Amino acid sequence: MRRRTTPKFWLFMILTTVVVFSVSLGVLQARYGQGARELERIRDHRDDLDLEVRDLRDELEYAQTDDFIIRAARDQLGLIMPSEVRYVNGAR
């Protein structure tokens, strides 16, 4: 004698399948959202690093000019050009 499956069984199976797929979809969407936020954070950090690299390249280019060398010699070493006269204020 064979057992017949009832419509209640098939309804239960369909509802169980729908619930499992719904939960799986929710979990996948949550993971996708986390990944998208992480990707955006990494892209922002990359953009910040690109700006920093650009600034450092500009600074390096300026450091290789005569203007930079003259400014460094005046400010850091206290040197003057041969035709210049240094004035010293004795009142401190």
Protein backbone atom coordinates (compact mmCIF):
# COMPACT_ATOMS: atom_id res chain seq x y z
CA MET A 1 0.00 0.00 0.00
CA ARG A 2 1.44 3.35 -1.06
CA ARG A 3 1.13 6.47 0.96
CA ARG A 4 -0.26 9.48 -0.76
CA THR A 5 1.18 12.87 -0.08
CA THR A 6 -1.34 15.36 1.04
CA PRO A 7 -1.64 18.97 -0.10
CA LYS A 8 -0.69 20.05 3.44
CA PHE A 9 2.70 18.39 3.01
CA TRP A 10 3.36 20.22 -0.26
CA LEU A 11 2.21 23.51 1.25
CA PHE A 12 4.59 22.94 4.18
CA MET A 13 7.46 22.14 1.80
CA ILE A 14 6.81 25.22 -0.34
CA LEU A 15 6.57 27.52 2.70
CA THR A 16 9.74 26.06 4.19
CA THR A 17 11.58 26.58 0.90
CA VAL A 18 10.34 30.17 0.64
CA VAL A 19 11.43 30.92 4.23
CA VAL A 20 14.89 29.41 3.68
CA PHE A 21 15.42 31.36 0.46
CA SER A 22 14.14 34.57 2.07
CA VAL A 23 16.55 34.26 5.00
CA SER A 24 19.42 33.45 2.63
CA LEU A 25 18.57 36.47 0.49
CA GLY A 26 18.49 38.71 3.57
CA VAL A 27 21.90 37.47 4.70
CA LEU A 28 23.38 37.96 1.24
CA GLN A 29 21.97 41.49 0.98
CA ALA A 30 23.45 42.36 4.39
CA ARG A 31 26.86 41.06 3.31
CA TYR A 32 26.59 42.97 0.04
CA GLY A 33 25.81 46.17 1.95
CA GLN A 34 28.80 45.66 4.24
CA GLY A 35 31.05 45.02 1.24
CA ALA A 36 29.77 48.12 -0.54
CA ARG A 37 30.44 50.28 2.53
CA GLU A 38 33.92 48.79 2.93
CA LEU A 39 34.66 49.39 -0.75
CA GLU A 40 33.56 53.03 -0.45
CA ARG A 41 35.77 53.48 2.64
CA ILE A 42 38.76 52.00 0.80
CA ARG A 43 38.14 54.21 -2.24
CA ASP A 44 38.00 57.30 -0.02
CA HIS A 45 41.26 56.27 1.62
CA ARG A 46 42.82 55.69 -1.81
CA ASP A 47 41.73 59.16 -2.93
CA ASP A 48 43.28 60.67 0.22
CA LEU A 49 46.53 58.83 -0.48
CA ASP A 50 46.49 60.01 -4.11
CA LEU A 51 46.21 63.62 -2.90
CA GLU A 52 49.05 63.09 -0.45
CA VAL A 53 51.25 61.57 -3.17
CA ARG A 54 50.46 64.49 -5.48
CA ASP A 55 51.37 66.99 -2.73
CA LEU A 56 54.62 65.14 -2.00
CA ARG A 57 55.54 65.10 -5.69
CA ASP A 58 54.92 68.84 -5.90
CA GLU A 59 57.05 69.36 -2.80
CA LEU A 60 59.82 67.20 -4.28
CA GLU A 61 59.73 69.18 -7.53
CA TYR A 62 59.95 72.44 -5.56
CA ALA A 63 62.81 71.04 -3.46
CA GLN A 64 64.85 70.62 -6.65
CA THR A 65 64.56 74.29 -7.66
CA ASP A 66 66.95 77.15 -6.98
CA ASP A 67 64.21 79.03 -5.12
CA PHE A 68 64.00 76.27 -2.55
CA ILE A 69 67.78 76.14 -2.12
CA ILE A 70 67.97 79.90 -1.62
CA ARG A 71 65.05 79.88 0.84
CA ALA A 72 66.58 76.99 2.82
CA ALA A 73 69.99 78.70 2.90
CA ARG A 74 68.43 81.92 4.22
CA ASP A 75 65.96 80.44 6.70
CA GLN A 76 67.79 77.41 8.05
CA LEU A 77 71.45 78.39 7.70
CA GLY A 78 71.19 82.18 7.99
CA LEU A 79 73.21 82.77 4.81
CA ILE A 80 72.94 85.88 2.62
CA MET A 81 73.75 86.59 -1.03
CA PRO A 82 77.15 88.21 -1.78
CA SER A 83 75.63 91.61 -2.65
CA GLU A 84 73.35 91.77 0.40
CA VAL A 85 73.99 93.45 3.74
CA ARG A 86 72.80 91.95 6.98
CA TYR A 87 71.20 94.27 9.51
CA VAL A 88 71.18 93.11 13.10
CA ASN A 89 68.89 94.64 15.66
CA GLY A 90 70.84 94.74 18.92
CA ALA A 91 67.84 95.65 21.11
CA ARG A 92 66.19 92.51 22.38
